[in-house]
Protein backbone atom coordinates (compact mmCIF):
# COMPACT_ATOMS: atom_id res chain seq x y z
CA MET A 1 -38.17 29.51 -36.46
CA ALA A 2 -39.13 29.79 -33.06
CA GLU A 3 -37.70 27.44 -30.65
CA LYS A 4 -40.28 25.35 -28.88
CA GLY A 5 -39.91 25.05 -25.01
CA LYS A 6 -38.87 22.35 -22.95
CA TYR A 7 -39.87 21.87 -19.35
CA TYR A 8 -38.07 19.81 -16.49
CA ILE A 9 -39.23 18.86 -13.25
CA VAL A 10 -36.13 19.08 -11.02
CA ARG A 11 -35.55 18.73 -7.40
CA GLU A 12 -34.85 22.55 -5.58
CA ARG A 13 -30.77 21.17 -4.64
CA ALA A 14 -30.30 20.78 -8.36
CA VAL A 15 -31.66 24.39 -9.28
CA PRO A 16 -28.78 27.42 -9.58
CA GLU A 17 -28.56 29.80 -6.67
CA VAL A 18 -29.34 32.51 -9.30
CA LEU A 19 -32.78 30.97 -10.76
CA LEU A 20 -33.78 30.36 -6.48
CA LYS A 21 -33.35 34.02 -6.20
CA VAL A 22 -35.66 35.37 -8.94
CA VAL A 23 -38.02 32.88 -7.67
CA GLU A 24 -37.47 34.89 -4.11
CA ALA A 25 -37.39 38.17 -5.85
CA LYS A 26 -40.87 37.21 -7.78
CA ARG A 27 -42.28 35.85 -4.06
CA LEU A 28 -41.76 39.74 -2.76
CA LEU A 29 -43.14 41.44 -5.54
CA GLU A 30 -45.91 39.83 -5.15
CA ILE A 31 -46.59 39.99 -0.97
CA ASP A 32 -45.23 43.60 -1.32
CA LYS A 33 -47.19 45.95 -4.19
CA THR A 34 -44.96 48.86 -3.32
CA LEU A 35 -41.67 47.20 -4.24
CA SER A 36 -39.65 47.69 -7.24
CA VAL A 37 -38.16 45.30 -9.61
CA HIS A 38 -34.56 47.14 -8.05
CA GLU A 39 -35.76 46.75 -4.82
CA ALA A 40 -37.03 43.07 -4.73
CA ALA A 41 -33.40 41.79 -6.80
CA GLU A 42 -31.41 43.81 -4.50
CA GLN A 43 -32.89 42.19 -1.37
CA VAL A 44 -32.31 38.77 -2.51
CA GLY A 45 -28.88 39.66 -3.94
CA ILE A 46 -29.49 39.44 -7.47
CA SER A 47 -29.08 42.19 -10.45
CA ARG A 48 -32.10 43.41 -12.21
CA SER A 49 -31.16 42.19 -15.45
CA SER A 50 -30.96 38.92 -13.76
CA PHE A 51 -34.28 38.97 -12.69
CA TYR A 52 -35.86 40.05 -16.21
CA LYS A 53 -33.65 37.31 -18.12
CA TYR A 54 -34.86 34.38 -15.90
CA GLN A 55 -38.30 36.15 -14.94
CA ASP A 56 -40.44 34.17 -17.38
CA ASP A 57 -37.89 30.99 -17.25
CA ILE A 58 -39.11 29.56 -13.19
CA LEU A 59 -41.80 29.21 -11.43
CA PRO A 60 -42.48 27.40 -8.23
CA PHE A 61 -44.12 23.94 -9.18
CA HIS A 62 -47.44 24.11 -7.08
CA ASP A 63 -47.77 28.11 -9.42
CA GLU A 64 -48.18 25.49 -12.67
CA THR A 65 -49.77 22.69 -11.65
CA LYS A 66 -53.13 23.95 -11.18
CA GLY A 67 -56.07 22.22 -13.18
CA LYS A 68 -53.36 19.29 -14.12
CA THR A 69 -52.83 16.08 -13.48
CA VAL A 70 -49.69 15.15 -11.70
CA THR A 71 -48.16 11.82 -11.67
CA PHE A 72 -45.58 10.38 -9.07
CA VAL A 73 -44.05 7.18 -7.80
CA LEU A 74 -43.09 6.47 -4.41
CA GLN A 75 -41.21 3.77 -3.19
CA MET A 76 -42.30 2.61 0.07
CA GLN A 77 -42.30 -0.04 2.91
CA ASP A 78 -44.88 -2.98 3.05
CA GLU A 79 -46.46 -1.56 6.41
CA PRO A 80 -49.98 -1.49 7.56
CA GLY A 81 -52.01 1.51 7.27
CA LEU A 82 -48.76 3.50 5.67
CA LEU A 83 -50.81 3.69 1.99
CA SER A 84 -53.80 4.88 4.38
CA THR A 85 -51.68 7.43 5.43
CA VAL A 86 -50.46 8.70 2.16
CA LEU A 87 -53.69 9.04 0.34
CA ARG A 88 -54.88 10.84 3.68
CA THR A 89 -52.34 13.41 3.22
CA VAL A 90 -53.54 14.01 -0.80
CA ALA A 91 -56.78 14.47 0.58
CA GLU A 92 -55.81 16.90 3.25
CA PHE A 93 -54.12 18.83 0.82
CA GLY A 94 -57.44 19.20 -1.51
CA ALA A 95 -56.05 17.13 -4.61
CA ASN A 96 -58.40 14.94 -6.45
CA ILE A 97 -56.99 11.29 -7.01
CA LEU A 98 -57.35 9.80 -9.89
CA THR A 99 -55.59 6.16 -10.39
CA ILE A 100 -53.55 4.38 -7.57
CA HIS A 101 -51.39 0.94 -8.47
CA GLN A 102 -49.45 -0.68 -5.69
CA SER A 103 -47.06 -3.15 -6.84
CA ILE A 104 -46.87 -6.64 -5.06
CA PRO A 105 -44.05 -5.94 -2.34
CA ILE A 106 -40.49 -7.17 -3.02
CA ASN A 107 -38.09 -7.33 0.08
CA GLY A 108 -40.82 -5.68 1.77
CA VAL A 109 -40.85 -2.67 -0.51
CA ALA A 110 -43.68 -1.82 -2.64
CA SER A 111 -43.82 0.98 -5.29
CA LEU A 112 -46.78 3.26 -5.29
CA THR A 113 -47.93 5.39 -8.65
CA LEU A 114 -50.53 7.61 -7.91
CA SER A 115 -52.71 10.21 -10.49
CA ILE A 116 -53.68 13.11 -9.01
CA ALA A 117 -55.77 16.21 -9.94
CA VAL A 118 -54.81 19.91 -8.77
CA LEU A 119 -57.89 21.59 -8.27
CA SER A 120 -57.95 24.99 -8.04
CA THR A 121 -58.90 24.74 -4.16
CA THR A 122 -55.50 22.61 -3.95
CA ALA A 123 -52.94 23.35 -1.31
CA ASP A 124 -49.41 23.88 -2.27
CA VAL A 125 -48.29 20.28 -4.16
CA SER A 126 -44.59 20.69 -3.84
CA ALA A 127 -45.69 21.10 -0.15
CA MET A 128 -47.67 17.89 -0.06
CA MET A 129 -44.80 15.73 -1.67
CA GLU A 130 -42.60 16.84 1.06
CA LYS A 131 -44.76 15.42 3.12
CA ILE A 132 -45.55 12.18 1.83
CA GLU A 133 -41.28 12.09 1.23
CA LYS A 134 -41.05 12.69 4.75
CA GLN A 135 -43.33 9.83 6.02
CA LYS A 136 -41.45 7.07 8.11
CA GLY A 137 -41.48 4.38 5.74
CA VAL A 138 -41.62 5.97 2.39
CA HIS A 139 -38.16 5.82 0.65
CA ASP A 140 -38.14 7.71 -2.53
CA LEU A 141 -40.72 10.22 -4.10
CA LYS A 142 -40.52 10.77 -7.81
CA ILE A 143 -42.61 13.04 -10.29
CA LEU A 144 -43.36 11.13 -13.38
CA GLY A 145 -45.29 13.72 -15.57
CA ARG A 146 -47.59 16.60 -15.66
CA GLU A 147 -50.60 16.70 -18.22
């Protein structure tokens, strides 16, 4: 009986180095069509067998999100304009906001749950989340799910 695949969303810092190198080798192959798998693997410092072993098991988050709904939650300071800045960032990257829920702030911190539709024209979702996370007043951002 074939094993069903389970998927996880993890931060880059939790991913083993070999898998990150596989992603980099795949990027090199995409950019330079004349490059062989052996050459790309050698450039990033992994064996060709490692590349083939993991190539179908890891994809950058943004490669798999087009046409999907992504829901994330963030903890943020209760500051005028911060919610507007977060929503503006989502709009800048071309995602469609589906739902917004902000809790009543407790001790000056509110929880914001945001569901977005990632369109074919949406820019890199991981870059969008990184930009939101770096906003002054945003404490934490976690992806709750993807449909």
